[in-house]
Protein backbone atom coordinates (compact mmCIF):
# COMPACT_ATOMS: atom_id res chain seq x y z
CA MET A 1 192.09 -105.16 -32.64
CA ARG A 2 194.78 -102.84 -31.68
CA LEU A 3 195.08 -100.65 -28.89
CA ARG A 4 196.72 -97.28 -27.95
CA ARG A 5 196.74 -95.85 -24.18
CA ALA A 6 194.25 -92.70 -24.01
CA SER A 7 195.96 -89.45 -25.03
CA CYS A 8 193.96 -87.63 -22.00
CA VAL A 9 194.54 -89.37 -18.92
CA VAL A 10 196.35 -87.66 -15.59
CA CYS A 11 197.39 -90.45 -12.75
CA TYR A 12 197.65 -89.16 -9.05
CA TRP A 13 197.94 -90.35 -5.70
CA TYR A 14 195.17 -90.26 -3.50
CA GLU A 15 194.27 -91.84 -0.59
CA GLY A 16 196.97 -93.98 -0.49
CA GLU A 17 195.54 -95.45 -4.14
CA PHE A 18 197.39 -95.09 -7.26
CA VAL A 19 194.51 -93.55 -9.76
CA ALA A 20 194.50 -93.48 -13.04
CA HIS A 21 191.81 -90.42 -14.25
CA PRO A 22 190.76 -90.37 -17.94
CA TYR A 23 188.80 -87.61 -19.35
CA PRO A 24 186.44 -86.57 -20.34
CA GLY A 25 184.19 -89.66 -19.87
CA PRO A 26 185.22 -92.62 -17.40
CA GLU A 27 185.03 -92.27 -13.58
CA PRO A 28 188.62 -92.33 -12.20
CA THR A 29 189.95 -95.54 -11.52
CA ALA A 30 192.38 -97.09 -8.67
CA VAL A 31 194.93 -99.28 -10.36
CA HIS A 32 197.86 -101.20 -9.48
CA PRO A 33 200.98 -98.79 -9.89
CA ALA A 34 202.72 -100.70 -12.24
CA ALA A 35 199.54 -100.16 -14.62
CA ALA A 36 201.73 -97.19 -15.89
CA GLU A 37 204.04 -99.04 -17.11
CA ILE A 38 201.82 -101.30 -18.95
CA LEU A 39 200.65 -98.37 -20.50
CA SER A 40 203.59 -97.22 -21.71
CA ALA A 41 203.86 -100.22 -24.08
CA PHE A 42 200.54 -98.54 -25.79
CA GLY A 43 202.09 -95.08 -27.09
CA GLU A 44 201.00 -95.89 -30.53
CA TRP A 45 198.38 -97.88 -32.08
CA VAL A 46 199.24 -101.94 -31.41
CA GLU A 47 198.19 -105.42 -30.84
CA PRO A 48 198.38 -106.47 -27.60
CA ALA A 49 200.49 -109.56 -28.07
CA LYS A 50 202.98 -106.76 -29.84
CA ALA A 51 203.08 -104.72 -26.82
CA ALA A 52 203.57 -108.13 -24.34
CA GLU A 53 206.87 -108.40 -26.39
CA ARG A 54 208.20 -104.96 -24.92
CA LEU A 55 207.15 -106.66 -21.07
CA ASP A 56 209.01 -109.68 -21.48
CA HIS A 57 209.30 -109.75 -17.85
CA LEU A 58 205.85 -109.97 -17.05
CA THR A 59 203.72 -113.34 -17.78
CA PRO A 60 201.31 -113.28 -21.08
CA ALA A 61 198.61 -113.83 -18.55
CA THR A 62 199.61 -110.89 -16.88
CA VAL A 63 199.62 -108.30 -19.47
CA ALA A 64 196.44 -109.67 -20.98
CA GLU A 65 194.43 -110.15 -17.63
CA ALA A 66 195.85 -105.98 -17.00
CA VAL A 67 194.95 -105.06 -20.81
CA GLU A 68 191.43 -106.08 -20.21
CA ALA A 69 190.98 -104.37 -17.04
CA LEU A 70 192.74 -101.25 -18.71
CA PHE A 71 190.43 -101.47 -21.65
CA GLU A 72 187.51 -101.68 -19.60
CA ALA A 73 188.68 -98.47 -17.54
CA GLY A 74 188.64 -96.59 -21.11
CA LEU A 75 192.55 -95.94 -20.15
CA LEU A 76 193.36 -97.99 -23.39
CA LEU A 77 191.47 -97.46 -26.63
CA ALA A 78 190.18 -99.32 -29.49
CA GLU A 79 191.40 -98.51 -32.85
CA ASP A 80 188.64 -96.36 -35.15
CA SER A 81 186.43 -96.69 -32.07
CA PRO A 82 183.92 -93.22 -31.10
CA GLN A 83 186.28 -93.09 -27.87
CA ALA A 84 189.50 -92.83 -29.59
CA THR A 85 188.01 -90.44 -31.97
CA ARG A 86 186.84 -88.35 -29.36
CA ASP A 87 190.21 -89.09 -27.26
CA ALA A 88 191.86 -87.44 -30.33
CA GLU A 89 189.67 -84.06 -30.94
CA VAL A 90 189.89 -83.33 -27.27
CA ALA A 91 193.56 -83.59 -27.00
CA GLN A 92 194.30 -81.48 -30.40
CA GLN A 93 191.79 -78.98 -29.11
CA TRP A 94 193.02 -78.22 -25.93
CA ALA A 95 196.61 -79.09 -26.80
CA THR A 96 197.89 -75.90 -25.89
CA TRP A 97 196.25 -75.81 -22.23
CA SER A 98 196.69 -79.77 -21.54
CA PRO A 99 197.05 -80.98 -19.42
CA GLU A 100 196.36 -78.45 -16.88
CA ALA A 101 193.17 -77.01 -18.19
CA SER A 102 191.75 -79.61 -19.92
CA PHE A 103 191.68 -81.96 -16.84
CA PHE A 104 190.22 -79.59 -14.46
CA HIS A 105 187.21 -78.41 -16.85
CA TYR A 106 186.57 -82.42 -17.92
CA ALA A 107 187.14 -83.80 -14.65
CA THR A 108 184.50 -81.21 -12.89
CA GLN A 109 181.72 -82.00 -15.88
CA ASP A 110 178.55 -83.85 -15.18
CA LEU A 111 178.81 -84.05 -11.45
CA ARG A 112 175.92 -85.47 -9.32
CA TYR A 113 174.19 -82.38 -7.67
CA PRO A 114 173.46 -83.46 -4.04
CA THR A 115 169.66 -83.44 -3.46
CA GLU A 116 168.48 -81.03 -0.99
CA GLU A 117 168.22 -84.01 2.00
CA GLU A 118 172.04 -84.05 0.96
CA ARG A 119 172.51 -80.91 1.37
CA GLN A 120 170.87 -80.50 4.85
CA ARG A 121 172.59 -83.47 5.98
CA LEU A 122 175.85 -82.08 5.08
CA LEU A 123 175.43 -78.54 6.47
CA ALA A 124 174.42 -80.03 9.68
CA GLU A 125 177.65 -82.24 9.50
CA GLY A 126 179.29 -79.06 9.15
CA CYS A 127 179.95 -78.37 12.98
CA GLY A 128 181.91 -81.26 13.04
CA GLN A 129 185.64 -81.60 12.70
CA ASP A 130 185.91 -82.77 9.38
CA PHE A 131 184.13 -79.83 8.28
CA PRO A 132 185.86 -76.61 7.47
CA ASP A 133 184.31 -73.24 9.73
CA HIS A 134 182.77 -70.68 7.54
CA VAL A 135 184.48 -67.77 8.94
CA LEU A 136 182.18 -64.17 7.77
CA PHE A 137 185.18 -61.55 7.85
CA THR A 138 188.76 -61.52 7.38
CA GLY A 139 190.18 -59.40 9.76
CA TYR A 140 193.88 -58.36 11.09
CA PRO A 141 193.63 -56.80 14.49
CA ASP A 142 196.72 -56.12 15.67
CA ALA A 143 197.62 -54.31 12.17
CA PRO A 144 198.01 -50.28 11.72
CA ARG A 145 194.69 -49.49 10.62
CA MET A 146 193.13 -46.29 9.13
CA LEU A 147 189.59 -45.83 9.07
CA LEU A 148 187.97 -44.86 5.63
CA PRO A 149 186.03 -41.94 5.25
CA ARG A 150 181.85 -42.89 4.99
CA ARG A 151 181.02 -39.67 2.84
CA PRO A 152 180.29 -41.23 -0.45
CA ALA A 153 182.07 -39.88 -3.91
CA GLU A 154 179.38 -39.12 -6.60
CA LEU A 155 178.04 -41.96 -8.24
CA ARG A 156 175.16 -40.73 -10.30
CA LEU A 157 176.54 -41.43 -14.16
CA PRO A 158 173.28 -42.67 -16.37
CA TYR A 159 174.15 -46.44 -16.40
CA ASP A 160 174.03 -46.26 -20.23
CA GLN A 161 176.90 -43.62 -19.51
CA VAL A 162 179.15 -45.97 -17.44
CA LEU A 163 178.19 -48.98 -19.55
CA TYR A 164 180.06 -48.02 -22.78
CA ALA A 165 182.28 -45.42 -21.12
CA ARG A 166 184.25 -48.80 -19.89
CA ARG A 167 187.27 -49.44 -20.82
CA THR A 168 190.22 -51.22 -19.52
CA HIS A 169 193.16 -48.69 -19.52
CA ARG A 170 197.09 -49.20 -19.68
CA ASP A 171 197.95 -45.56 -19.30
CA PHE A 172 197.75 -43.43 -16.21
CA ALA A 173 198.15 -39.96 -15.13
CA ALA A 174 200.61 -39.00 -12.01
CA GLU A 175 197.79 -37.15 -10.11
CA PRO A 176 196.84 -39.41 -7.20
CA VAL A 177 193.13 -40.64 -6.38
CA ALA A 178 191.35 -39.19 -3.63
CA LEU A 179 190.67 -41.28 -0.60
CA ASP A 180 187.21 -40.36 -0.93
CA THR A 181 186.95 -42.24 -4.27
CA LEU A 182 189.00 -45.35 -3.10
CA ALA A 183 186.77 -45.80 0.15
CA THR A 184 183.56 -45.04 -2.39
CA LEU A 185 185.17 -47.95 -4.80
CA LEU A 186 186.17 -50.55 -1.93
CA ALA A 187 182.77 -50.50 -0.20
CA THR A 188 180.50 -50.30 -3.37
CA VAL A 189 182.51 -53.10 -4.89
CA PHE A 190 183.42 -55.27 -1.95
CA GLY A 191 181.59 -54.07 1.31
CA PRO A 192 178.29 -56.02 2.75
CA VAL A 193 174.87 -54.47 1.22
CA ASP A 194 172.60 -56.70 3.73
CA PHE A 195 172.49 -59.79 5.69
CA ILE A 196 170.43 -62.94 5.15
CA ASP A 197 169.50 -66.07 6.91
CA SER A 198 170.88 -69.15 5.23
CA GLY A 199 169.37 -71.41 7.67
CA HIS A 200 172.41 -72.11 9.28
CA GLU A 201 174.17 -69.07 9.55
CA VAL A 202 174.41 -65.22 8.93
CA LEU A 203 175.49 -64.47 5.49
CA PHE A 204 175.93 -61.30 3.64
CA ARG A 205 175.47 -59.90 -0.12
CA ARG A 206 177.39 -57.91 -2.30
CA THR A 207 176.82 -55.74 -5.17
CA SER A 208 177.74 -58.55 -7.39
CA PRO A 209 176.50 -62.26 -7.39
CA SER A 210 178.29 -64.72 -5.18
CA GLY A 211 177.38 -68.73 -5.61
CA GLY A 212 175.69 -69.64 -2.50
CA ALA A 213 176.45 -65.87 -0.76
CA ARG A 214 180.05 -67.48 0.70
CA GLN A 215 181.75 -64.36 -0.40
CA GLU A 216 185.01 -66.08 -0.57
CA LEU A 217 186.85 -63.32 -2.24
CA GLU A 218 189.02 -61.08 0.01
CA PRO A 219 190.23 -57.86 -0.92
CA TYR A 220 194.02 -56.83 -0.77
CA VAL A 221 194.84 -53.35 -2.09
CA ALA A 222 198.65 -52.43 -2.75
CA ILE A 223 198.24 -48.71 -3.13
CA ARG A 224 200.97 -46.71 -4.70
CA ASN A 225 199.73 -43.16 -5.55
CA VAL A 226 196.49 -42.44 -3.38
CA ASP A 227 195.93 -39.19 -1.45
CA GLY A 228 196.53 -39.38 2.30
CA VAL A 229 197.82 -43.18 2.56
CA ASP A 230 201.03 -44.29 2.65
CA PRO A 231 202.43 -46.54 -0.28
CA GLY A 232 201.96 -50.24 0.92
CA VAL A 233 199.43 -53.38 0.87
CA TYR A 234 196.63 -53.49 2.94
CA HIS A 235 193.52 -55.42 3.69
CA TYR A 236 190.35 -53.68 3.33
CA ASN A 237 188.37 -55.05 6.27
CA LEU A 238 184.91 -54.46 4.90
CA ARG A 239 183.50 -55.01 8.40
CA GLU A 240 184.73 -51.98 9.52
CA HIS A 241 185.63 -49.64 6.08
CA SER A 242 188.93 -50.01 6.85
CA LEU A 243 192.59 -50.12 5.57
CA GLU A 244 194.50 -52.56 7.19
CA LEU A 245 198.70 -52.22 6.66
CA LEU A 246 200.13 -55.36 5.94
CA SER A 247 203.51 -54.33 4.80
CA PRO A 248 204.63 -50.95 4.22
CA GLY A 249 206.08 -49.52 0.63
CA LEU A 250 205.55 -49.84 -2.61
CA THR A 251 207.28 -48.58 -6.13
CA ASP A 252 205.96 -48.53 -9.57
CA LYS A 253 208.51 -51.30 -10.43
CA GLU A 254 207.31 -53.84 -7.73
CA ALA A 255 203.92 -53.00 -8.78
CA ALA A 256 204.67 -54.03 -12.53
CA HIS A 257 206.90 -57.01 -11.26
CA LEU A 258 204.20 -58.86 -9.16
CA CYS A 259 201.81 -58.34 -12.18
CA ALA A 260 204.07 -60.50 -14.79
CA ASP A 261 206.48 -57.45 -15.25
CA GLN A 262 203.55 -55.47 -16.75
CA ASP A 263 204.73 -51.91 -17.40
CA TRP A 264 201.45 -50.63 -17.29
CA ALA A 265 200.88 -51.62 -13.62
CA GLY A 266 203.54 -49.58 -12.49
CA GLY A 267 201.38 -46.63 -13.47
CA ALA A 268 197.94 -47.58 -11.60
CA ALA A 269 197.34 -45.57 -8.61
CA PHE A 270 196.58 -48.89 -6.63
CA LEU A 271 195.95 -52.63 -7.28
CA VAL A 272 193.20 -54.94 -5.51
CA VAL A 273 194.20 -58.55 -5.29
CA LEU A 274 191.28 -61.04 -5.06
CA ALA A 275 192.63 -63.96 -2.99
CA ALA A 276 190.07 -66.54 -2.48
CA VAL A 277 189.36 -68.10 1.29
CA ILE A 278 188.79 -71.68 0.36
CA ASP A 279 187.05 -72.79 3.52
CA ARG A 280 184.10 -70.03 2.68
CA MET A 281 183.59 -72.39 -0.32
CA SER A 282 184.40 -75.85 0.70
CA SER A 283 182.13 -75.33 4.09
CA LYS A 284 179.14 -75.81 2.02
CA TYR A 285 180.15 -77.02 -1.19
CA ARG A 286 182.29 -80.39 -1.20
CA ASN A 287 182.95 -80.65 -5.04
CA ALA A 288 185.90 -79.49 -6.94
CA ARG A 289 183.29 -77.99 -9.18
CA CYS A 290 182.86 -74.97 -6.87
CA TYR A 291 186.17 -73.62 -7.71
CA ARG A 292 185.00 -72.77 -10.99
CA VAL A 293 182.71 -70.80 -9.29
CA SER A 294 184.95 -68.79 -6.95
CA LEU A 295 186.79 -68.12 -10.71
CA LEU A 296 183.30 -66.60 -11.63
CA ASN A 297 182.64 -65.04 -8.68
CA ALA A 298 186.09 -62.96 -9.40
CA GLY A 299 184.75 -62.09 -12.72
CA HIS A 300 181.63 -60.86 -10.83
CA LEU A 301 183.83 -58.84 -8.90
CA GLY A 302 185.92 -57.61 -11.71
CA GLN A 303 183.12 -56.40 -13.46
CA THR A 304 181.56 -54.32 -11.03
CA PHE A 305 184.83 -53.14 -10.40
CA ALA A 306 185.46 -51.88 -13.65
CA LEU A 307 182.11 -50.00 -13.92
CA THR A 308 181.98 -48.40 -10.29
CA ALA A 309 186.01 -47.32 -11.51
CA THR A 310 184.15 -45.69 -14.66
CA ALA A 311 181.52 -44.09 -13.03
CA LEU A 312 184.27 -42.03 -10.38
CA GLY A 313 186.12 -40.89 -13.23
CA LEU A 314 188.65 -43.66 -12.74
CA GLY A 315 190.39 -45.57 -15.67
CA PRO A 316 190.16 -49.31 -14.48
CA ALA A 317 192.14 -52.48 -15.56
CA GLN A 318 192.40 -56.27 -14.41
CA THR A 319 194.82 -59.16 -15.27
CA GLY A 320 194.62 -62.69 -14.71
CA ALA A 321 198.86 -62.36 -15.21
CA PHE A 322 200.98 -62.33 -12.24
CA HIS A 323 203.30 -63.54 -10.28
CA ASP A 324 201.13 -66.06 -7.81
CA THR A 325 203.97 -67.04 -4.85
CA ALA A 326 205.40 -63.06 -4.92
CA GLU A 327 201.41 -61.57 -4.67
CA ALA A 328 201.05 -64.00 -2.02
CA GLU A 329 203.90 -63.47 0.43
CA ARG A 330 203.50 -59.43 -0.39
CA CYS A 331 199.64 -59.36 0.98
CA GLY A 332 200.90 -62.04 3.43
CA LEU A 333 198.96 -65.40 2.38
CA ASP A 334 199.97 -68.44 3.09
CA ASN A 335 198.93 -69.88 -0.21
CA VAL A 336 197.43 -72.50 0.40
CA GLY A 337 193.83 -71.56 2.25
CA HIS A 338 194.02 -67.90 1.10
CA THR A 339 195.28 -67.78 -2.45
CA PRO A 340 194.97 -64.69 -5.01
CA VAL A 341 193.26 -65.62 -8.06
CA TYR A 342 192.99 -62.33 -10.31
CA VAL A 343 194.05 -58.60 -9.44
CA LEU A 344 192.32 -55.55 -10.96
CA ALA A 345 193.87 -51.79 -10.82
CA ALA A 346 192.71 -48.15 -11.36
CA GLY A 347 193.60 -44.73 -11.65
CA HIS A 348 193.06 -41.76 -13.48
CA PRO A 349 193.29 -42.06 -17.01
CA ARG A 350 195.96 -40.33 -18.97
CA PRO A 351 193.90 -37.96 -21.70
CA GLU A 352 196.32 -39.07 -24.56
CA PRO A 353 196.65 -43.17 -24.12
CA GLU A 354 199.80 -44.39 -25.65
CA ASN A 355 199.00 -47.84 -25.81
CA GLY A 356 195.33 -47.80 -26.41
CA PRO A 357 194.41 -50.21 -29.39
CA PRO A 358 193.41 -48.11 -32.96
CA PRO A 359 190.15 -48.79 -34.28
CA ALA A 360 189.44 -51.11 -37.03
CA ARG A 361 189.72 -50.17 -40.19
CA LEU A 362 188.34 -51.89 -43.27
CA ASP A 363 191.66 -53.64 -43.78
CA THR A 364 191.50 -55.21 -40.19
CA PHE A 365 188.05 -56.40 -41.47
CA SER A 366 189.76 -57.93 -44.78
CA GLY A 367 191.90 -60.08 -42.78
CA SER A 368 190.17 -61.44 -40.35
CA VAL A 369 187.93 -64.51 -40.22
CA LEU A 370 184.83 -63.25 -38.61
CA HIS A 371 182.42 -66.89 -39.08
CA ARG A 372 183.15 -70.50 -39.15
CA ALA A 373 180.30 -73.12 -39.98
CA ALA A 374 179.22 -74.58 -36.45
CA ARG A 375 180.35 -78.07 -36.14
């Protein structure tokens, strides 16, 4: 029988042990670091005895024992086995994004969810030092602040009109955004709607869904062209409906650079950086799958932002392409417990956009694959 090491495997140190984590499928296994050397001898299909010749500084018995253990752990695969076929399929399908995206996707699949009794116990233990606190609001009490107007801008367009008018804009006019408009947008998307009793603490809800109502996404506003507001990077304090100045100044060139040097971002009146406050989520949910939920929550907020901006007559945009470290530094984030995950933008749309995509024509459809038979 010929064996080959799994293509889809990540190794790491965790709590003092060397862990080999194949995916999808078998559980991670703590192995001796020397296992990496043995696995390196199985880079292609090979019989164990032949592979042992490459490891001549180890006894055949040692190699045989290690091979058996690595095979049982799913780190070595048998030729023509279902496991080998699946491994090859996953490796090919996810090749462009591997190993980071494929590992995260499969390593957070099929988790055992805690029972209600276990959840209650974990929440009760959350008061201990080993569990992070859940802090409801973020604020910068020493920062200069501007209290925003509470008179709402008009938000009465019919839902169908807003929904079908929503488009991502990449061309913005030079006209500044009114302060009332920005205030309404921030309050509608990020402000509390009401407060609820979770059984352990008070939580608040927004106009967008949030897993467990943890509201772990915090808005930071990089303002370039808003009436009555100096350019700079602000935190939107949603408890007091204010802008807290974190660092002054913002040019169109810097705005574009922060968004991975996308020129269109330099024309937006303002950017909103959504930063994940990790403790708000991890104080309740203990497994890594919950980071998926944070990313989904960012998408929910992004959609509400886009629809609300459209209803206010603005052109919304959004991007996952940005310079994380530079973005975090500009917002005063530590990029550890507070880290940027999404960037939203808006401004008055240019009447005659230059960068909008043209409508699809007959020849576009003719050259496109519209369907494929399901596997």
